[in-house]
Amino acid sequence: MPMYKVRPFHRVGGEVLAEQLPSCMYRLPNLHRLPSTAASPPLPQEEVDPSLQALESRQEEILKRLYELKSAVDGLSKMIQTPDADFDVTNIIQTDECSPLTTNGADLDLMLGKDYGALKDIVINANPSLPPLSLLVLHSLLCERYKILSAVHTHSSVKSVPENLLKCFGEQTKKQPRHEYQLGFTLIWKDVPKPQMKFSIQTMCPIEGEGNIARFLFSLFGQKYNAVTSTLIDSWVDTAIFQLKEGSSKEKGAVLRSMNAALGKTPWLVGNELTVADIVAWCALQQTGSVNAAPANVQKWMKSCENLAPFTSVMKLLK
């Protein structure tokens, strides 16, 4: 027995009309069943969207270009595997156009940015227990090129600093007005795991690592090298830092042999001019105590470095 009855709303006279409810919202033709040609007329051919045609043409063009690039790469790989591709880069290095360090300085405003009314400051934090000798050599070279305002400070994290490190920039005489200098160079002895450098204190993150800072400082000389020479310089800098300075005795021996072979062809590690690779490698040898074990060509190269005034001033710090 139903709980309650609802009065029907659709009546015609005394008869209740039955509601015909649909079994679906709308009907679609069955696409999985092929229509009978005899029973139904052929469907009209749909027009292809022009944008779809353009997309297909573009895809075909991209695939064609990719195939051409693949063919070109395959051809180059076959050339590299031939004996002719194993060329000596020494000739490229010797013909590399670079000006010696005795020429006029580069435009510091172009490299460091122009800031009217303010002196560009390079601030370096370094640990006095392992002084970055290469940065001190580069500071001396920069002083020969630019008018630099130098300063040395001690951070509160360091209890004591040897007197020779406090005077690593020499005796600071009476300074001229700040605006008369081209560049500021401040060294702060601080308890840090590795050297850190900033030249825009408020807007940049620090450059870390002695090798990376040395690359930056050497770039201020405005030297221009081709891709092969630049790659070799970077390779020697990394080798000097990670293998000659921080590596095992076996790694140090392998580096010394490689240096001896390279210096048998050219007076410096990379070509006929002093580069940052020579500075970093010489300082690494001094700090690791591998000078006496160096081969003949390396010994001759070290004497060439020590004949330069910036290296001589740093040697006083090692005594």
C-alpha atoms as a PDB file:
ATOM      1  CA  MET A   1       0.000   0.000   0.000  1.00  0.00           C
ATOM      2  CA  PRO A   2       1.566   3.339  -1.020  1.00  0.00           C
ATOM      3  CA  MET A   3       2.314   5.859   1.632  1.00  0.00           C
ATOM      4  CA  TYR A   4       0.536   8.640  -0.153  1.00  0.00           C
ATOM      5  CA  LYS A   5      -0.926   9.442  -3.524  1.00  0.00           C
ATOM      6  CA  VAL A   6      -0.104  12.390  -5.741  1.00  0.00           C
ATOM      7  CA  ARG A   7      -2.818  13.833  -7.858  1.00  0.00           C
ATOM      8  CA  PRO A   8      -1.861  13.655 -11.556  1.00  0.00           C
ATOM      9  CA  PHE A   9      -1.357  16.991 -13.259  1.00  0.00           C
ATOM     10  CA  HIS A  10      -2.151  15.917 -16.821  1.00  0.00           C
ATOM     11  CA  ARG A  11      -5.804  15.134 -17.438  1.00  0.00           C
ATOM     12  CA  VAL A  12      -7.957  15.380 -20.495  1.00  0.00           C
ATOM     13  CA  GLY A  13     -11.424  15.105 -19.270  1.00  0.00           C
ATOM     14  CA  GLY A  14     -11.410  12.211 -16.864  1.00  0.00           C
ATOM     15  CA  GLU A  15      -8.488  10.353 -18.490  1.00  0.00           C
ATOM     16  CA  VAL A  16      -4.884  10.612 -17.188  1.00  0.00           C
ATOM     17  CA  LEU A  17      -2.292  10.994 -19.938  1.00  0.00           C
ATOM     18  CA  ALA A  18       0.775   8.715 -19.746  1.00  0.00           C
ATOM     19  CA  GLU A  19       4.158  10.461 -19.789  1.00  0.00           C
ATOM     20  CA  GLN A  20       6.550   9.380 -22.547  1.00  0.00           C
ATOM     21  CA  LEU A  21      10.041   9.934 -21.103  1.00  0.00           C
ATOM     22  CA  PRO A  22      13.092   9.711 -23.436  1.00  0.00           C
ATOM     23  CA  SER A  23      15.671   6.992 -22.808  1.00  0.00           C
ATOM     24  CA  CYS A  24      18.566   9.302 -23.856  1.00  0.00           C
ATOM     25  CA  MET A  25      19.185  12.980 -24.358  1.00  0.00           C
ATOM     26  CA  TYR A  26      19.835  12.774 -28.097  1.00  0.00           C
ATOM     27  CA  ARG A  27      20.712  10.185 -30.700  1.00  0.00           C
ATOM     28  CA  LEU A  28      23.820   9.936 -32.874  1.00  0.00           C
ATOM     29  CA  PRO A  29      24.526   7.712 -35.847  1.00  0.00           C
ATOM     30  CA  ASN A  30      26.671   4.660 -35.133  1.00  0.00           C
ATOM     31  CA  LEU A  31      30.145   5.443 -36.509  1.00  0.00           C
ATOM     32  CA  HIS A  32      31.427   1.880 -35.953  1.00  0.00           C
ATOM     33  CA  ARG A  33      28.960   0.325 -38.388  1.00  0.00           C
ATOM     34  CA  LEU A  34      29.418   0.905 -42.076  1.00  0.00           C
ATOM     35  CA  PRO A  35      26.172   2.152 -43.619  1.00  0.00           C
ATOM     36  CA  SER A  36      24.620   0.084 -46.369  1.00  0.00           C
ATOM     37  CA  THR A  37      25.023   1.756 -49.734  1.00  0.00           C
ATOM     38  CA  ALA A  38      21.692   0.371 -50.877  1.00  0.00           C
ATOM     39  CA  ALA A  39      19.755   1.271 -47.782  1.00  0.00           C
ATOM     40  CA  SER A  40      21.054   4.784 -47.222  1.00  0.00           C
ATOM     41  CA  PRO A  41      22.382   7.509 -49.465  1.00  0.00           C
ATOM     42  CA  PRO A  42      26.126   8.360 -49.321  1.00  0.00           C
ATOM     43  CA  LEU A  43      27.153  10.884 -46.704  1.00  0.00           C
ATOM     44  CA  PRO A  44      28.280  14.247 -48.013  1.00  0.00           C
ATOM     45  CA  GLN A  45      32.083  14.727 -47.950  1.00  0.00           C
ATOM     46  CA  GLU A  46      33.194  16.948 -45.074  1.00  0.00           C
ATOM     47  CA  GLU A  47      35.330  19.989 -45.824  1.00  0.00           C
ATOM     48  CA  VAL A  48      38.846  19.962 -44.307  1.00  0.00           C
ATOM     49  CA  ASP A  49      39.611  22.817 -41.955  1.00  0.00           C
ATOM     50  CA  PRO A  50      42.278  25.136 -43.500  1.00  0.00           C
ATOM     51  CA  SER A  51      44.006  25.523 -40.119  1.00  0.00           C
ATOM     52  CA  LEU A  52      44.356  21.732 -39.890  1.00  0.00           C
ATOM     53  CA  GLN A  53      45.886  21.625 -43.361  1.00  0.00           C
ATOM     54  CA  ALA A  54      48.356  24.363 -42.373  1.00  0.00           C
ATOM     55  CA  LEU A  55      49.292  22.435 -39.223  1.00  0.00           C
ATOM     56  CA  GLU A  56      49.935  19.246 -41.189  1.00  0.00           C
ATOM     57  CA  SER A  57      52.069  21.128 -43.714  1.00  0.00           C
ATOM     58  CA  ARG A  58      54.088  22.699 -40.910  1.00  0.00           C
ATOM     59  CA  GLN A  59      54.646  19.312 -39.300  1.00  0.00           C
ATOM     60  CA  GLU A  60      55.883  17.862 -42.567  1.00  0.00           C
ATOM     61  CA  GLU A  61      58.262  20.799 -43.017  1.00  0.00           C
ATOM     62  CA  ILE A  62      59.672  20.359 -39.483  1.00  0.00           C
ATOM     63  CA  LEU A  63      60.204  16.640 -40.011  1.00  0.00           C
ATOM     64  CA  LYS A  64      61.983  17.368 -43.277  1.00  0.00           C
ATOM     65  CA  ARG A  65      64.319  19.883 -41.606  1.00  0.00           C
ATOM     66  CA  LEU A  66      65.041  17.455 -38.753  1.00  0.00           C
ATOM     67  CA  TYR A  67      65.976  14.800 -41.267  1.00  0.00           C
ATOM     68  CA  GLU A  68      68.336  17.222 -43.005  1.00  0.00           C
ATOM     69  CA  LEU A  69      69.961  18.183 -39.687  1.00  0.00           C
ATOM     70  CA  LYS A  70      70.406  14.525 -38.783  1.00  0.00           C
ATOM     71  CA  SER A  71      72.122  13.902 -42.112  1.00  0.00           C
ATOM     72  CA  ALA A  72      74.440  16.876 -41.528  1.00  0.00           C
ATOM     73  CA  VAL A  73      75.366  15.670 -38.016  1.00  0.00           C
ATOM     74  CA  ASP A  74      76.034  12.171 -39.308  1.00  0.00           C
ATOM     75  CA  GLY A  75      78.350  13.639 -41.918  1.00  0.00           C
ATOM     76  CA  LEU A  76      80.250  15.680 -39.321  1.00  0.00           C
ATOM     77  CA  SER A  77      80.637  12.669 -37.039  1.00  0.00           C
ATOM     78  CA  LYS A  78      82.240  10.733 -39.878  1.00  0.00           C
ATOM     79  CA  MET A  79      84.665  13.621 -40.482  1.00  0.00           C
ATOM     80  CA  ILE A  80      85.669  13.751 -36.805  1.00  0.00           C
ATOM     81  CA  GLN A  81      86.510  10.063 -36.793  1.00  0.00           C
ATOM     82  CA  THR A  82      89.004  10.513 -39.607  1.00  0.00           C
ATOM     83  CA  PRO A  83      92.730  11.009 -38.830  1.00  0.00           C
ATOM     84  CA  ASP A  84      92.640  14.486 -40.393  1.00  0.00           C
ATOM     85  CA  ALA A  85      90.434  15.733 -37.577  1.00  0.00           C
ATOM     86  CA  ASP A  86      93.097  14.980 -34.964  1.00  0.00           C
ATOM     87  CA  PHE A  87      94.849  18.323 -35.440  1.00  0.00           C
ATOM     88  CA  ASP A  88      97.277  20.119 -33.167  1.00  0.00           C
ATOM     89  CA  VAL A  89      95.742  23.189 -31.502  1.00  0.00           C
ATOM     90  CA  THR A  90      99.177  24.730 -30.910  1.00  0.00           C
ATOM     91  CA  ASN A  91      99.050  26.498 -34.254  1.00  0.00           C
ATOM     92  CA  ILE A  92      95.681  28.012 -33.417  1.00  0.00           C
ATOM     93  CA  ILE A  93      96.964  29.230 -30.060  1.00  0.00           C
ATOM     94  CA  GLN A  94     100.052  30.809 -31.581  1.00  0.00           C
ATOM     95  CA  THR A  95      97.986  32.720 -34.126  1.00  0.00           C
ATOM     96  CA  ASP A  96      95.474  33.853 -31.513  1.00  0.00           C
ATOM     97  CA  GLU A  97      95.225  37.624 -31.454  1.00  0.00           C
ATOM     98  CA  CYS A  98      95.614  38.951 -27.917  1.00  0.00           C
ATOM     99  CA  SER A  99      97.261  42.067 -26.622  1.00  0.00           C
ATOM    100  CA  PRO A 100      99.989  41.786 -23.969  1.00  0.00           C
ATOM    101  CA  LEU A 101      99.298  42.920 -20.419  1.00  0.00           C
ATOM    102  CA  THR A 102     101.440  46.015 -20.841  1.00  0.00           C
ATOM    103  CA  THR A 103      98.952  47.778 -23.108  1.00  0.00           C
ATOM    104  CA  ASN A 104      96.340  50.275 -22.005  1.00  0.00           C
ATOM    105  CA  GLY A 105      93.542  49.087 -19.767  1.00  0.00           C
ATOM    106  CA  ALA A 106      90.096  48.066 -20.865  1.00  0.00           C
ATOM    107  CA  ASP A 107      86.987  50.113 -20.202  1.00  0.00           C
ATOM    108  CA  LEU A 108      86.003  49.256 -16.624  1.00  0.00           C
ATOM    109  CA  ASP A 109      82.643  50.994 -16.998  1.00  0.00           C
ATOM    110  CA  LEU A 110      81.849  48.705 -19.921  1.00  0.00           C
ATOM    111  CA  MET A 111      82.705  45.551 -17.951  1.00  0.00           C
ATOM    112  CA  LEU A 112      81.491  46.507 -14.473  1.00  0.00           C
ATOM    113  CA  GLY A 113      78.718  48.913 -15.376  1.00  0.00           C
ATOM    114  CA  LYS A 114      78.620  52.685 -15.187  1.00  0.00           C
ATOM    115  CA  ASP A 115      77.602  54.127 -11.840  1.00  0.00           C
ATOM    116  CA  TYR A 116      77.877  57.893 -11.815  1.00  0.00           C
ATOM    117  CA  GLY A 117      79.206  59.396  -8.625  1.00  0.00           C
ATOM    118  CA  ALA A 118      80.290  56.042  -7.122  1.00  0.00           C
ATOM    119  CA  LEU A 119      83.512  54.020  -7.210  1.00  0.00           C
ATOM    120  CA  LYS A 120      83.238  50.399  -8.234  1.00  0.00           C
ATOM    121  CA  ASP A 121      84.406  48.240  -5.331  1.00  0.00           C
ATOM    122  CA  ILE A 122      85.675  44.674  -5.520  1.00  0.00           C
ATOM    123  CA  VAL A 123      85.281  43.091  -2.080  1.00  0.00           C
ATOM    124  CA  ILE A 124      86.889  39.704  -1.404  1.00  0.00           C
ATOM    125  CA  ASN A 125      86.444  37.563   1.712  1.00  0.00           C
ATOM    126  CA  ALA A 126      89.272  35.079   2.253  1.00  0.00           C
ATOM    127  CA  ASN A 127      90.444  32.788   5.026  1.00  0.00           C
ATOM    128  CA  PRO A 128      93.917  33.712   6.376  1.00  0.00           C
ATOM    129  CA  SER A 129      94.684  30.030   7.037  1.00  0.00           C
ATOM    130  CA  LEU A 130      94.811  29.478   3.257  1.00  0.00           C
ATOM    131  CA  PRO A 131      95.443  32.840   1.589  1.00  0.00           C
ATOM    132  CA  PRO A 132      94.485  33.035  -2.121  1.00  0.00           C
ATOM    133  CA  LEU A 133      97.889  33.872  -3.569  1.00  0.00           C
ATOM    134  CA  SER A 134      96.633  34.106  -7.149  1.00  0.00           C
ATOM    135  CA  LEU A 135      94.282  36.941  -6.187  1.00  0.00           C
ATOM    136  CA  LEU A 136      97.181  38.839  -4.647  1.00  0.00           C
ATOM    137  CA  VAL A 137      99.217  38.421  -7.836  1.00  0.00           C
ATOM    138  CA  LEU A 138      96.280  39.666  -9.896  1.00  0.00           C
ATOM    139  CA  HIS A 139      95.872  42.632  -7.557  1.00  0.00           C
ATOM    140  CA  SER A 140      99.490  43.640  -8.221  1.00  0.00           C
ATOM    141  CA  LEU A 141      98.962  43.301 -11.980  1.00  0.00           C
ATOM    142  CA  LEU A 142      95.791  45.390 -11.809  1.00  0.00           C
ATOM    143  CA  CYS A 143      97.659  48.088  -9.889  1.00  0.00           C
ATOM    144  CA  GLU A 144     100.064  48.343 -12.841  1.00  0.00           C
ATOM    145  CA  ARG A 145      97.119  48.959 -15.162  1.00  0.00           C
ATOM    146  CA  TYR A 146      94.601  50.983 -13.126  1.00  0.00           C
ATOM    147  CA  LYS A 147      94.524  53.446 -10.287  1.00  0.00           C
ATOM    148  CA  ILE A 148      93.248  51.239  -7.457  1.00  0.00           C
ATOM    149  CA  LEU A 149      92.184  52.124  -3.935  1.00  0.00           C
ATOM    150  CA  SER A 150      93.359  49.098  -1.894  1.00  0.00           C
ATOM    151  CA  ALA A 151      92.376  48.181   1.650  1.00  0.00           C
ATOM    152  CA  VAL A 152      92.776  45.201   4.002  1.00  0.00           C
ATOM    153  CA  HIS A 153      90.429  44.514   6.926  1.00  0.00           C
ATOM    154  CA  THR A 154      89.917  41.773   9.518  1.00  0.00           C
ATOM    155  CA  HIS A 155      86.502  40.313  10.271  1.00  0.00           C
ATOM    156  CA  SER A 156      85.403  39.573  13.821  1.00  0.00           C
ATOM    157  CA  SER A 157      85.200  35.847  12.992  1.00  0.00           C
ATOM    158  CA  VAL A 158      89.017  35.732  12.814  1.00  0.00           C
ATOM    159  CA  LYS A 159      90.941  35.991  16.060  1.00  0.00           C
ATOM    160  CA  SER A 160      94.354  36.874  14.656  1.00  0.00           C
ATOM    161  CA  VAL A 161      95.966  37.471  11.274  1.00  0.00           C
ATOM    162  CA  PRO A 162      99.729  37.345  10.571  1.00  0.00           C
ATOM    163  CA  GLU A 163     101.334  40.715  10.086  1.00  0.00           C
ATOM    164  CA  ASN A 164     102.473  39.934   6.538  1.00  0.00           C
ATOM    165  CA  LEU A 165      98.870  39.216   5.471  1.00  0.00           C
ATOM    166  CA  LEU A 166      97.671  42.478   6.997  1.00  0.00           C
ATOM    167  CA  LYS A 167     100.237  44.246   4.813  1.00  0.00           C
ATOM    168  CA  CYS A 168      99.800  42.065   1.716  1.00  0.00           C
ATOM    169  CA  PHE A 169      98.953  45.170  -0.337  1.00  0.00           C
ATOM    170  CA  GLY A 170     102.021  46.991   0.903  1.00  0.00           C
ATOM    171  CA  GLU A 171     102.195  50.022   3.127  1.00  0.00           C
ATOM    172  CA  GLN A 172      99.141  52.174   2.529  1.00  0.00           C
ATOM    173  CA  THR A 173     100.321  55.750   2.200  1.00  0.00           C
ATOM    174  CA  LYS A 174      98.129  58.825   2.392  1.00  0.00           C
ATOM    175  CA  LYS A 175      95.185  58.225   0.114  1.00  0.00           C
ATOM    176  CA  GLN A 176      93.847  60.597  -2.482  1.00  0.00           C
ATOM    177  CA  PRO A 177      90.150  61.503  -2.668  1.00  0.00           C
ATOM    178  CA  ARG A 178      88.035  58.443  -3.448  1.00  0.00           C
ATOM    179  CA  HIS A 179      86.654  59.794  -6.700  1.00  0.00           C
ATOM    180  CA  GLU A 180      90.156  60.005  -8.206  1.00  0.00           C
ATOM    181  CA  TYR A 181      90.540  56.214  -8.271  1.00  0.00           C
ATOM    182  CA  GLN A 182      89.341  53.919 -11.024  1.00  0.00           C
ATOM    183  CA  LEU A 183      88.627  50.847  -8.917  1.00  0.00           C
ATOM    184  CA  GLY A 184      88.318  49.852  -5.284  1.00  0.00           C
ATOM    185  CA  PHE A 185      89.894  46.577  -4.087  1.00  0.00           C
ATOM    186  CA  THR A 186      89.089  45.499  -0.528  1.00  0.00           C
ATOM    187  CA  LEU A 187      90.333  42.260   1.032  1.00  0.00           C
ATOM    188  CA  ILE A 188      88.645  41.068   4.237  1.00  0.00           C
ATOM    189  CA  TRP A 189      90.268  38.250   6.184  1.00  0.00           C
ATOM    190  CA  LYS A 190      87.261  36.231   7.326  1.00  0.00           C
ATOM    191  CA  ASP A 191      86.453  32.692   8.478  1.00  0.00           C
ATOM    192  CA  VAL A 192      84.970  31.400   5.184  1.00  0.00           C
ATOM    193  CA  PRO A 193      85.342  27.915   3.624  1.00  0.00           C
ATOM    194  CA  LYS A 194      86.401  29.362   0.256  1.00  0.00           C
ATOM    195  CA  PRO A 195      87.137  32.846  -1.121  1.00  0.00           C
ATOM    196  CA  GLN A 196      84.088  34.951  -1.977  1.00  0.00           C
ATOM    197  CA  MET A 197      83.921  38.073  -4.135  1.00  0.00           C
ATOM    198  CA  LYS A 198      81.386  40.783  -4.909  1.00  0.00           C
ATOM    199  CA  PHE A 199      81.804  43.932  -6.968  1.00  0.00           C
ATOM    200  CA  SER A 200      78.231  45.148  -6.505  1.00  0.00           C
ATOM    201  CA  ILE A 201      77.445  44.526  -2.859  1.00  0.00           C
ATOM    202  CA  GLN A 202      73.701  45.121  -2.979  1.00  0.00           C
ATOM    203  CA  THR A 203      72.682  43.592  -6.299  1.00  0.00           C
ATOM    204  CA  MET A 204      74.750  40.440  -6.929  1.00  0.00           C
ATOM    205  CA  CYS A 205      75.352  37.070  -5.337  1.00  0.00           C
ATOM    206  CA  PRO A 206      78.984  36.280  -4.449  1.00  0.00           C
ATOM    207  CA  ILE A 207      81.403  34.600  -6.839  1.00  0.00           C
ATOM    208  CA  GLU A 208      82.934  31.689  -4.921  1.00  0.00           C
ATOM    209  CA  GLY A 209      86.192  29.853  -5.413  1.00  0.00           C
ATOM    210  CA  GLU A 210      89.709  31.109  -6.052  1.00  0.00           C
ATOM    211  CA  GLY A 211      89.687  29.939  -9.668  1.00  0.00           C
ATOM    212  CA  ASN A 212      86.406  31.684 -10.526  1.00  0.00           C
ATOM    213  CA  ILE A 213      87.489  34.943  -8.886  1.00  0.00           C
ATOM    214  CA  ALA A 214      90.846  34.780 -10.675  1.00  0.00           C
ATOM    215  CA  ARG A 215      89.044  34.401 -14.019  1.00  0.00           C
ATOM    216  CA  PHE A 216      86.925  37.466 -13.272  1.00  0.00           C
ATOM    217  CA  LEU A 217      89.862  39.628 -12.206  1.00  0.00           C
ATOM    218  CA  PHE A 218      91.916  38.615 -15.245  1.00  0.00           C
ATOM    219  CA  SER A 219      89.006  39.564 -17.513  1.00  0.00           C
ATOM    220  CA  LEU A 220      89.478  43.177 -16.360  1.00  0.00           C
ATOM    221  CA  PHE A 221      92.621  43.306 -18.515  1.00  0.00           C
ATOM    222  CA  GLY A 222      90.410  43.106 -21.591  1.00  0.00           C
ATOM    223  CA  GLN A 223      92.187  40.109 -23.134  1.00  0.00           C
ATOM    224  CA  LYS A 224      90.418  38.503 -26.108  1.00  0.00           C
ATOM    225  CA  TYR A 225      90.943  34.846 -26.986  1.00  0.00           C
ATOM    226  CA  ASN A 226      89.402  32.442 -29.448  1.00  0.00           C
ATOM    227  CA  ALA A 227      87.284  29.503 -28.306  1.00  0.00           C
ATOM    228  CA  VAL A 228      90.141  26.966 -28.287  1.00  0.00           C
ATOM    229  CA  THR A 229      92.469  29.155 -26.220  1.00  0.00           C
ATOM    230  CA  SER A 230      89.728  30.110 -23.756  1.00  0.00           C
ATOM    231  CA  THR A 231      88.858  26.443 -23.250  1.00  0.00           C
ATOM    232  CA  LEU A 232      92.488  25.498 -22.597  1.00  0.00           C
ATOM    233  CA  ILE A 233      92.911  28.354 -20.116  1.00  0.00           C
ATOM    234  CA  ASP A 234      89.798  27.295 -18.195  1.00  0.00           C
ATOM    235  CA  SER A 235      90.977  23.692 -18.233  1.00  0.00           C
ATOM    236  CA  TRP A 236      94.376  24.590 -16.731  1.00  0.00           C
ATOM    237  CA  VAL A 237      92.757  26.750 -14.047  1.00  0.00           C
ATOM    238  CA  ASP A 238      90.460  23.904 -12.984  1.00  0.00           C
ATOM    239  CA  THR A 239      93.342  21.420 -13.095  1.00  0.00           C
ATOM    240  CA  ALA A 240      95.483  23.649 -10.884  1.00  0.00           C
ATOM    241  CA  ILE A 241      92.706  24.138  -8.296  1.00  0.00           C
ATOM    242  CA  PHE A 242      91.142  20.678  -8.125  1.00  0.00           C
ATOM    243  CA  GLN A 243      94.096  18.393  -8.890  1.00  0.00           C
ATOM    244  CA  LEU A 244      97.354  20.249  -8.295  1.00  0.00           C
ATOM    245  CA  LYS A 245      96.167  22.042  -5.152  1.00  0.00           C
ATOM    246  CA  GLU A 246      93.518  19.696  -3.725  1.00  0.00           C
ATOM    247  CA  GLY A 247      94.273  16.358  -5.395  1.00  0.00           C
ATOM    248  CA  SER A 248      96.226  13.316  -4.298  1.00  0.00           C
ATOM    249  CA  SER A 249      99.965  12.837  -4.811  1.00  0.00           C
ATOM    250  CA  LYS A 250      99.246  10.687  -7.867  1.00  0.00           C
ATOM    251  CA  GLU A 251      97.086  13.422  -9.407  1.00  0.00           C
ATOM    252  CA  LYS A 252      99.732  16.059  -8.687  1.00  0.00           C
ATOM    253  CA  GLY A 253     102.381  13.959 -10.422  1.00  0.00           C
ATOM    254  CA  ALA A 254     100.177  13.569 -13.498  1.00  0.00           C
ATOM    255  CA  VAL A 255      99.554  17.325 -13.628  1.00  0.00           C
ATOM    256  CA  LEU A 256     103.273  18.094 -13.379  1.00  0.00           C
ATOM    257  CA  ARG A 257     103.966  15.758 -16.295  1.00  0.00           C
ATOM    258  CA  SER A 258     101.243  17.436 -18.370  1.00  0.00           C
ATOM    259  CA  MET A 259     102.634  20.864 -17.517  1.00  0.00           C
ATOM    260  CA  ASN A 260     106.144  19.773 -18.464  1.00  0.00           C
ATOM    261  CA  ALA A 261     104.892  18.557 -21.856  1.00  0.00           C
ATOM    262  CA  ALA A 262     102.943  21.749 -22.533  1.00  0.00           C
ATOM    263  CA  LEU A 263     105.821  24.013 -21.476  1.00  0.00           C
ATOM    264  CA  GLY A 264     108.129  22.114 -23.822  1.00  0.00           C
ATOM    265  CA  LYS A 265     106.178  23.614 -26.746  1.00  0.00           C
ATOM    266  CA  THR A 266     105.409  27.144 -25.535  1.00  0.00           C
ATOM    267  CA  PRO A 267     106.989  29.432 -22.893  1.00  0.00           C
ATOM    268  CA  TRP A 268     103.683  29.704 -21.001  1.00  0.00           C
ATOM    269  CA  LEU A 269     100.992  27.123 -20.319  1.00  0.00           C
ATOM    270  CA  VAL A 270      98.742  28.448 -23.082  1.00  0.00           C
ATOM    271  CA  GLY A 271     100.615  30.134 -25.904  1.00  0.00           C
ATOM    272  CA  ASN A 272     103.255  32.842 -25.833  1.00  0.00           C
ATOM    273  CA  GLU A 273     101.632  35.221 -23.316  1.00  0.00           C
ATOM    274  CA  LEU A 274     101.022  35.080 -19.580  1.00  0.00           C
ATOM    275  CA  THR A 275      97.438  34.088 -18.739  1.00  0.00           C
ATOM    276  CA  VAL A 276      95.425  33.451 -15.610  1.00  0.00           C
ATOM    277  CA  ALA A 277      96.285  29.752 -16.011  1.00  0.00           C
ATOM    278  CA  ASP A 278      99.965  30.507 -15.291  1.00  0.00           C
ATOM    279  CA  ILE A 279      99.091  32.619 -12.254  1.00  0.00           C
ATOM    280  CA  VAL A 280      96.792  30.050 -10.656  1.00  0.00           C
ATOM    281  CA  ALA A 281      99.096  27.112 -11.437  1.00  0.00           C
ATOM    282  CA  TRP A 282     102.201  28.888 -10.058  1.00  0.00           C
ATOM    283  CA  CYS A 283     100.406  29.781  -6.823  1.00  0.00           C
ATOM    284  CA  ALA A 284      99.084  26.230  -6.458  1.00  0.00           C
ATOM    285  CA  LEU A 285     102.611  24.848  -6.775  1.00  0.00           C
ATOM    286  CA  GLN A 286     103.848  27.271  -4.134  1.00  0.00           C
ATOM    287  CA  GLN A 287     101.105  26.346  -1.672  1.00  0.00           C
ATOM    288  CA  THR A 288     101.393  22.580  -2.134  1.00  0.00           C
ATOM    289  CA  GLY A 289     105.176  22.495  -1.776  1.00  0.00           C
ATOM    290  CA  SER A 290     105.665  20.717  -5.110  1.00  0.00           C
ATOM    291  CA  VAL A 291     108.313  23.135  -6.366  1.00  0.00           C
ATOM    292  CA  ASN A 292     111.298  20.879  -5.751  1.00  0.00           C
ATOM    293  CA  ALA A 293     109.637  17.892  -7.435  1.00  0.00           C
ATOM    294  CA  ALA A 294     108.810  19.847 -10.601  1.00  0.00           C
ATOM    295  CA  PRO A 295     110.364  18.706 -13.924  1.00  0.00           C
ATOM    296  CA  ALA A 296     112.879  20.802 -15.869  1.00  0.00           C
ATOM    297  CA  ASN A 297     110.435  22.707 -18.087  1.00  0.00           C
ATOM    298  CA  VAL A 298     108.243  23.515 -15.086  1.00  0.00           C
ATOM    299  CA  GLN A 299     111.250  24.775 -13.129  1.00  0.00           C
ATOM    300  CA  LYS A 300     112.207  27.062 -16.007  1.00  0.00           C
ATOM    301  CA  TRP A 301     108.636  28.343 -16.268  1.00  0.00           C
ATOM    302  CA  MET A 302     108.490  29.067 -12.533  1.00  0.00           C
ATOM    303  CA  LYS A 303     111.642  31.172 -12.781  1.00  0.00           C
ATOM    304  CA  SER A 304     110.045  33.128 -15.623  1.00  0.00           C
ATOM    305  CA  CYS A 305     107.057  33.834 -13.371  1.00  0.00           C
ATOM    306  CA  GLU A 306     109.250  34.850 -10.447  1.00  0.00           C
ATOM    307  CA  ASN A 307     111.083  37.362 -12.630  1.00  0.00           C
ATOM    308  CA  LEU A 308     107.853  39.372 -12.754  1.00  0.00           C
ATOM    309  CA  ALA A 309     107.328  41.877  -9.937  1.00  0.00           C
ATOM    310  CA  PRO A 310     103.796  40.742  -8.907  1.00  0.00           C
ATOM    311  CA  PHE A 311     105.052  37.196  -8.266  1.00  0.00           C
ATOM    312  CA  THR A 312     108.080  38.487  -6.352  1.00  0.00           C
ATOM    313  CA  SER A 313     105.889  40.457  -3.964  1.00  0.00           C
ATOM    314  CA  VAL A 314     103.766  37.392  -3.225  1.00  0.00           C
ATOM    315  CA  MET A 315     106.840  35.230  -2.591  1.00  0.00           C
ATOM    316  CA  LYS A 316     107.621  37.464   0.390  1.00  0.00           C
ATOM    317  CA  LEU A 317     104.379  36.303   1.996  1.00  0.00           C
ATOM    318  CA  LEU A 318     105.529  32.672   1.829  1.00  0.00           C
ATOM    319  CA  LYS A 319     108.643  33.305   3.918  1.00  0.00           C
END
